[in-house]
């Protein structure tokens, strides 16, 4: 066997990168628009949206997703913006539900009550809901919208309807870090998982290390409020992004996603597809690969996927130290979070 054929054999799966990581999880952003305006996600001045003609149609979403599934993707999560404001979301769900994958969705839950039947009909069982405060005034401050009651009640509705619900809260020091225990107590009578996410740097979100609440700081709050024997460390799932815990006797659990202070890059199995058909091999990567133009030109997207996956850096898009992460020249080259997809 020649060296070239050996290399081809070793890299046969186009979703295996140069560090040996197999990518089985695809996050697809359906839309760049949202019905909330969260400060850590969208710059105050807004973002320049892609023209409608450059967004993926439902047929193109299906065709691209099908290629990924053929090469080993077993899980697809739909994100946005807010994916449920896309008018053809029922068709997208129906098309993707025909693929042999676990299909899930991330939503702000403002209008999710209107989609309960559609989600169930297409086998969606897992729903992540973003809510960063359990205080109505704070919720309005961070989202710039009066939708707290609707979101809170829809979380309760999703649980009642039998969905597996994860509640995502981005922690920002001096804003909602005093609600950590309130969020954990939210799991006392509800079988939900609350996940605290370290504030991450993206273009336009005014990030700095001083605003971030670290994994260690979250656990300081937990240890000060609950006795050691009542704090259970749970078994993390393979490729899990979070460190999982629960309080003994509580129906639900909580977790910390520590992308900044304790990254999980070694076991990363995720790829991201933006609403305008760009493949991002890492959330923090400033480079993208154009799948949509290739598809529309009638060419195979497989070589583009393979090249993008092979180019994936070992950690956080090359920002492999906290010092690099604090350099705006590096992270401001990335998109704002709303145009990446949550």
Protein backbone atom coordinates (compact mmCIF):
# COMPACT_ATOMS: atom_id res chain seq x y z
CA UNK A 1 0.00 0.00 0.00
CA UNK A 2 1.40 3.43 -0.96
CA UNK A 3 1.65 6.24 1.57
CA UNK A 4 -1.09 8.13 -0.29
CA UNK A 5 -3.49 5.19 -0.13
CA UNK A 6 -2.62 4.68 3.55
CA UNK A 7 -3.48 8.33 4.22
CA UNK A 8 -6.76 7.94 2.33
CA UNK A 9 -7.57 4.81 4.32
CA UNK A 10 -6.81 6.52 7.63
CA UNK A 11 -9.00 9.50 6.72
CA UNK A 12 -11.76 7.53 5.04
CA UNK A 13 -14.50 9.11 7.15
CA UNK A 14 -14.81 12.73 6.07
CA UNK A 15 -16.15 13.60 9.55
CA UNK A 16 -13.00 12.46 11.39
CA UNK A 17 -10.55 15.31 11.98
CA UNK A 18 -6.75 15.28 12.18
CA UNK A 19 -6.95 14.86 15.97
CA UNK A 20 -9.01 11.65 15.67
CA UNK A 21 -12.32 13.20 16.72
CA UNK A 22 -15.42 11.73 15.04
CA UNK A 23 -18.17 14.26 14.42
CA UNK A 24 -21.60 12.72 14.93
CA UNK A 25 -23.55 15.81 15.99
CA UNK A 26 -24.68 18.57 13.59
CA UNK A 27 -26.28 21.81 14.77
CA UNK A 28 -28.25 23.53 12.02
CA UNK A 29 -29.25 27.18 12.31
CA UNK A 30 -32.48 27.74 10.41
CA UNK A 31 -32.72 31.52 10.66
CA UNK A 32 -30.70 34.52 11.79
CA UNK A 33 -33.72 36.45 13.09
CA UNK A 34 -35.12 36.19 16.61
CA UNK A 35 -38.11 37.50 18.54
CA UNK A 36 -35.85 38.39 21.50
CA UNK A 37 -32.74 40.62 21.58
CA UNK A 38 -30.47 39.03 24.21
CA UNK A 39 -27.47 41.23 24.91
CA UNK A 40 -24.85 38.44 24.98
CA UNK A 41 -26.13 37.09 21.65
CA UNK A 42 -26.98 40.14 19.54
CA UNK A 43 -25.06 43.43 19.41
CA UNK A 44 -27.11 46.43 20.60
CA UNK A 45 -27.06 47.95 17.12
CA UNK A 46 -28.38 44.68 15.65
CA UNK A 47 -26.72 42.60 12.96
CA UNK A 48 -26.63 42.71 9.19
CA UNK A 49 -28.86 39.84 8.13
CA UNK A 50 -28.15 37.64 5.14
CA UNK A 51 -30.49 38.30 2.18
CA UNK A 52 -33.28 35.75 1.94
CA UNK A 53 -31.87 34.40 -1.32
CA UNK A 54 -28.69 33.33 0.45
CA UNK A 55 -30.47 31.36 3.19
CA UNK A 56 -30.93 27.62 2.84
CA UNK A 57 -34.31 26.43 1.61
CA UNK A 58 -35.90 23.46 3.34
CA UNK A 59 -34.83 21.24 0.42
CA UNK A 60 -31.23 22.42 0.77
CA UNK A 61 -31.27 21.90 4.53
CA UNK A 62 -32.44 18.34 3.94
CA UNK A 63 -29.90 17.62 1.19
CA UNK A 64 -26.97 18.88 3.28
CA UNK A 65 -28.19 17.11 6.43
CA UNK A 66 -28.64 13.86 4.47
CA UNK A 67 -24.99 13.98 3.35
CA UNK A 68 -23.83 14.39 6.95
CA UNK A 69 -26.04 11.52 8.11
CA UNK A 70 -24.65 9.28 5.36
CA UNK A 71 -21.19 9.87 6.83
CA UNK A 72 -22.04 9.21 10.46
CA UNK A 73 -24.06 12.05 12.00
CA UNK A 74 -26.58 10.56 14.44
CA UNK A 75 -27.89 13.71 16.11
CA UNK A 76 -29.22 16.95 14.62
CA UNK A 77 -30.23 19.98 16.69
CA UNK A 78 -32.13 22.87 15.11
CA UNK A 79 -31.22 26.35 16.32
CA UNK A 80 -31.52 29.98 15.25
CA UNK A 81 -32.00 32.85 15.89
CA UNK A 82 -35.33 31.47 16.96
CA UNK A 83 -35.99 28.43 14.72
CA UNK A 84 -39.76 28.43 15.34
CA UNK A 85 -40.30 31.81 13.65
CA UNK A 86 -39.32 30.26 10.33
CA UNK A 87 -42.58 29.80 8.41
CA UNK A 88 -41.66 26.42 6.92
CA UNK A 89 -40.52 24.88 10.23
CA UNK A 90 -43.21 22.12 10.06
CA UNK A 91 -41.89 21.04 6.64
CA UNK A 92 -38.26 21.16 7.82
CA UNK A 93 -39.11 19.01 10.84
CA UNK A 94 -40.99 16.50 8.68
CA UNK A 95 -38.13 16.22 6.17
CA UNK A 96 -35.41 15.80 8.80
CA UNK A 97 -37.52 13.37 10.83
CA UNK A 98 -37.30 10.98 7.87
CA UNK A 99 -33.54 10.66 8.46
CA UNK A 100 -32.19 8.08 10.96
CA UNK A 101 -31.16 10.67 13.56
CA UNK A 102 -32.13 11.98 16.96
CA UNK A 103 -33.81 15.30 16.18
CA UNK A 104 -33.91 18.05 18.83
CA UNK A 105 -34.38 21.80 19.00
CA UNK A 106 -33.18 24.86 20.91
CA UNK A 107 -35.77 27.60 21.40
CA UNK A 108 -36.46 30.66 23.53
CA UNK A 109 -39.94 29.12 24.05
CA UNK A 110 -41.84 32.35 23.41
CA UNK A 111 -44.15 30.69 20.86
CA UNK A 112 -43.36 27.01 21.39
CA UNK A 113 -46.84 26.28 22.76
CA UNK A 114 -48.14 26.58 19.17
CA UNK A 115 -45.83 23.78 18.01
CA UNK A 116 -46.38 21.03 20.60
CA UNK A 117 -48.27 18.76 18.19
CA UNK A 118 -45.82 19.35 15.31
CA UNK A 119 -42.82 18.57 17.52
CA UNK A 120 -44.43 15.39 18.83
CA UNK A 121 -45.50 14.27 15.35
CA UNK A 122 -41.90 14.46 14.17
CA UNK A 123 -40.32 12.65 17.08
CA UNK A 124 -38.74 15.63 18.81
CA UNK A 125 -38.38 14.68 22.46
CA UNK A 126 -35.50 16.88 23.65
CA UNK A 127 -35.90 20.65 23.86
CA UNK A 128 -33.39 23.20 25.15
CA UNK A 129 -34.91 26.45 26.36
CA UNK A 130 -32.82 29.59 26.84
CA UNK A 131 -33.82 31.72 29.83
CA UNK A 132 -31.23 33.75 31.72
CA UNK A 133 -33.26 35.00 34.66
CA UNK A 134 -36.23 33.86 36.75
CA UNK A 135 -36.94 37.50 37.56
CA UNK A 136 -39.31 39.22 35.11
CA UNK A 137 -37.55 42.61 35.28
CA UNK A 138 -34.12 41.09 34.69
CA UNK A 139 -35.50 38.96 31.87
CA UNK A 140 -36.79 42.12 30.17
CA UNK A 141 -33.42 43.84 30.68
CA UNK A 142 -31.38 41.10 29.04
CA UNK A 143 -33.85 40.16 26.27
CA UNK A 144 -35.16 43.70 25.67
CA UNK A 145 -38.67 42.16 25.50
CA UNK A 146 -41.67 41.57 27.87
CA UNK A 147 -42.00 37.80 27.41
CA UNK A 148 -41.07 36.30 30.79
CA UNK A 149 -44.48 34.92 31.75
CA UNK A 150 -44.92 33.31 28.36
CA UNK A 151 -41.51 31.62 28.47
CA UNK A 152 -41.88 30.48 32.09
CA UNK A 153 -45.34 29.02 31.49
CA UNK A 154 -44.19 27.31 28.29
CA UNK A 155 -41.36 25.57 30.18
CA UNK A 156 -44.00 24.17 32.55
CA UNK A 157 -46.14 23.18 29.55
CA UNK A 158 -43.26 21.33 27.86
CA UNK A 159 -42.62 19.33 31.03
CA UNK A 160 -46.33 18.55 31.36
CA UNK A 161 -46.39 17.38 27.72
CA UNK A 162 -43.58 14.91 28.42
CA UNK A 163 -40.63 16.59 26.68
CA UNK A 164 -37.11 16.24 28.06
CA UNK A 165 -36.31 19.86 28.90
CA UNK A 166 -32.95 21.50 29.47
CA UNK A 167 -32.91 25.12 30.60
CA UNK A 168 -29.85 27.11 29.46
CA UNK A 169 -28.76 30.17 31.45
CA UNK A 170 -25.75 32.27 30.45
CA UNK A 171 -24.27 33.62 33.69
CA UNK A 172 -23.04 37.23 33.80
CA UNK A 173 -21.35 38.51 36.94
CA UNK A 174 -23.32 41.18 38.76
CA UNK A 175 -26.44 40.43 36.73
CA UNK A 176 -27.77 36.92 37.34
CA UNK A 177 -25.07 35.14 39.36
CA UNK A 178 -27.19 35.78 42.48
CA UNK A 179 -29.89 33.56 40.90
CA UNK A 180 -27.77 30.40 40.71
CA UNK A 181 -29.46 28.85 43.74
CA UNK A 182 -32.91 29.98 42.52
CA UNK A 183 -32.25 28.13 39.26
CA UNK A 184 -31.13 25.01 41.13
CA UNK A 185 -34.25 25.16 43.29
CA UNK A 186 -36.24 25.35 40.04
CA UNK A 187 -35.22 21.68 39.63
CA UNK A 188 -36.69 20.64 42.98
CA UNK A 189 -40.16 19.78 41.69
CA UNK A 190 -39.51 19.69 37.94
CA UNK A 191 -37.63 16.93 36.05
CA UNK A 192 -35.55 19.47 34.13
CA UNK A 193 -31.82 20.06 33.77
CA UNK A 194 -30.66 23.64 34.36
CA UNK A 195 -27.36 24.31 32.62
CA UNK A 196 -25.18 27.27 33.59
CA UNK A 197 -23.11 28.49 30.65
CA UNK A 198 -19.94 30.52 31.03
CA UNK A 199 -20.22 33.87 29.23
CA UNK A 200 -18.25 33.46 25.97
CA UNK A 201 -16.67 36.05 23.66
CA UNK A 202 -18.32 36.78 20.30
CA UNK A 203 -18.39 39.76 17.99
CA UNK A 204 -20.33 42.67 19.48
CA UNK A 205 -21.29 41.19 22.87
CA UNK A 206 -18.94 43.36 25.00
CA UNK A 207 -17.29 40.32 26.58
CA UNK A 208 -14.60 40.51 29.19
CA UNK A 209 -13.28 38.03 31.73
CA UNK A 210 -14.57 40.16 34.57
CA UNK A 211 -18.19 39.47 33.52
CA UNK A 212 -17.71 35.70 33.41
CA UNK A 213 -18.88 33.39 36.22
CA UNK A 214 -16.59 30.36 36.14
CA UNK A 215 -17.32 26.71 36.87
CA UNK A 216 -15.40 27.06 40.15
CA UNK A 217 -17.44 30.11 41.16
CA UNK A 218 -20.74 28.33 40.43
CA UNK A 219 -19.66 25.47 42.67
CA UNK A 220 -18.74 27.94 45.42
CA UNK A 221 -22.37 29.12 45.43
CA UNK A 222 -23.58 25.51 45.44
CA UNK A 223 -21.27 24.41 48.27
CA UNK A 224 -22.28 27.42 50.36
CA UNK A 225 -25.99 26.59 50.02
CA UNK A 226 -26.11 22.78 50.16
CA UNK A 227 -24.33 20.27 52.36
CA UNK A 228 -21.66 18.15 50.72
CA UNK A 229 -23.62 14.91 51.22
CA UNK A 230 -26.61 16.38 49.36
CA UNK A 231 -24.65 17.37 46.24
CA UNK A 232 -24.47 14.42 43.85
CA UNK A 233 -21.97 14.35 40.97
CA UNK A 234 -23.72 12.61 38.07
CA UNK A 235 -22.15 10.53 35.31
CA UNK A 236 -21.57 12.70 32.25
CA UNK A 237 -22.66 11.27 28.90
CA UNK A 238 -20.01 10.54 26.24
CA UNK A 239 -19.05 13.77 24.39
CA UNK A 240 -20.97 15.77 27.00
CA UNK A 241 -20.21 19.49 27.14
CA UNK A 242 -21.34 19.80 30.75
CA UNK A 243 -20.37 18.71 34.26
CA UNK A 244 -23.60 17.34 35.75
CA UNK A 245 -24.91 17.42 39.31
CA UNK A 246 -28.12 17.12 41.27
CA UNK A 247 -29.33 17.84 44.76
CA UNK A 248 -30.51 14.73 46.57
CA UNK A 249 -34.29 14.51 46.59
CA UNK A 250 -34.71 16.98 43.72
CA UNK A 251 -36.52 15.76 40.61
CA UNK A 252 -34.20 17.58 38.23
CA UNK A 253 -30.49 18.28 37.94
CA UNK A 254 -28.06 21.07 37.09
CA UNK A 255 -24.88 21.34 35.09
CA UNK A 256 -22.08 23.74 34.18
CA UNK A 257 -20.87 24.25 30.61
CA UNK A 258 -17.36 25.65 31.07
CA UNK A 259 -16.23 26.44 27.54
CA UNK A 260 -13.86 29.12 28.80
CA UNK A 261 -12.24 27.80 31.98
CA UNK A 262 -12.53 24.06 31.43
CA UNK A 263 -13.05 23.38 27.71
CA UNK A 264 -14.20 19.99 26.43
CA UNK A 265 -12.42 20.21 23.08
CA UNK A 266 -10.71 16.80 23.34
CA UNK A 267 -14.04 14.99 23.04
CA UNK A 268 -15.80 17.46 20.73
CA UNK A 269 -18.09 15.75 18.19
CA UNK A 270 -19.95 18.88 17.00
CA UNK A 271 -20.16 20.76 13.73
CA UNK A 272 -22.31 23.80 12.96
CA UNK A 273 -24.18 24.79 9.83
CA UNK A 274 -25.24 28.44 9.65
CA UNK A 275 -28.54 29.57 8.16
CA UNK A 276 -26.74 30.76 5.03
CA UNK A 277 -25.11 27.38 4.50
CA UNK A 278 -21.65 27.95 5.95
CA UNK A 279 -20.00 25.08 7.82
CA UNK A 280 -18.22 26.07 11.04
CA UNK A 281 -15.97 23.35 12.40
CA UNK A 282 -15.90 25.03 15.84
CA UNK A 283 -18.08 27.53 17.68
CA UNK A 284 -15.02 29.75 18.18
CA UNK A 285 -13.62 29.40 14.67
CA UNK A 286 -13.39 32.56 12.56
CA UNK A 287 -13.23 30.55 9.34
CA UNK A 288 -16.16 29.02 7.44
CA UNK A 289 -16.67 26.69 4.51
CA UNK A 290 -19.35 27.45 1.93
CA UNK A 291 -21.52 24.37 1.45
CA UNK A 292 -24.53 26.17 0.01
CA UNK A 293 -22.79 27.71 -3.02
CA UNK A 294 -21.18 24.35 -3.75
CA UNK A 295 -24.55 22.60 -3.54
CA UNK A 296 -26.24 25.21 -5.75
CA UNK A 297 -23.46 24.81 -8.32
CA UNK A 298 -24.38 21.13 -8.58
CA UNK A 299 -21.08 19.97 -7.10
CA UNK A 300 -20.44 17.46 -4.31
CA UNK A 301 -20.20 19.06 -0.87
CA UNK A 302 -18.24 16.10 0.52
CA UNK A 303 -14.75 17.44 -0.37
CA UNK A 304 -15.63 20.79 1.22
CA UNK A 305 -16.85 19.05 4.38
CA UNK A 306 -13.72 16.89 4.57
CA UNK A 307 -11.38 19.87 4.13
CA UNK A 308 -13.25 21.86 6.80
CA UNK A 309 -13.20 18.99 9.29
CA UNK A 310 -9.51 18.30 8.67
CA UNK A 311 -8.76 21.98 9.32
CA UNK A 312 -10.38 21.93 12.77
CA UNK A 313 -7.90 23.12 15.37
CA UNK A 314 -7.33 21.27 18.62
CA UNK A 315 -8.90 23.86 20.91
CA UNK A 316 -11.39 26.77 20.63
CA UNK A 317 -10.58 27.75 17.06
CA UNK A 318 -6.92 28.25 17.97
CA UNK A 319 -7.61 30.33 21.10
CA UNK A 320 -5.97 27.67 23.24
CA UNK A 321 -5.05 29.90 26.20
CA UNK A 322 -7.06 32.33 28.35
CA UNK A 323 -4.67 35.06 27.19
CA UNK A 324 -5.62 34.50 23.53
CA UNK A 325 -9.30 34.33 24.46
CA UNK A 326 -9.04 37.84 25.89
CA UNK A 327 -7.73 39.36 22.65
CA UNK A 328 -10.59 41.09 20.76
CA UNK A 329 -8.60 40.92 17.51
CA UNK A 330 -9.01 37.13 17.67
CA UNK A 331 -12.61 36.64 18.78
CA UNK A 332 -14.08 39.66 16.95
CA UNK A 333 -13.25 37.97 13.64
CA UNK A 334 -16.00 35.48 14.48
CA UNK A 335 -19.70 36.13 13.90
CA UNK A 336 -22.06 37.40 16.56
CA UNK A 337 -23.77 34.48 18.28
CA UNK A 338 -27.18 35.03 16.66
CA UNK A 339 -25.76 34.49 13.16
CA UNK A 340 -23.80 31.37 14.23
CA UNK A 341 -26.72 29.53 15.79
CA UNK A 342 -27.12 28.67 19.48
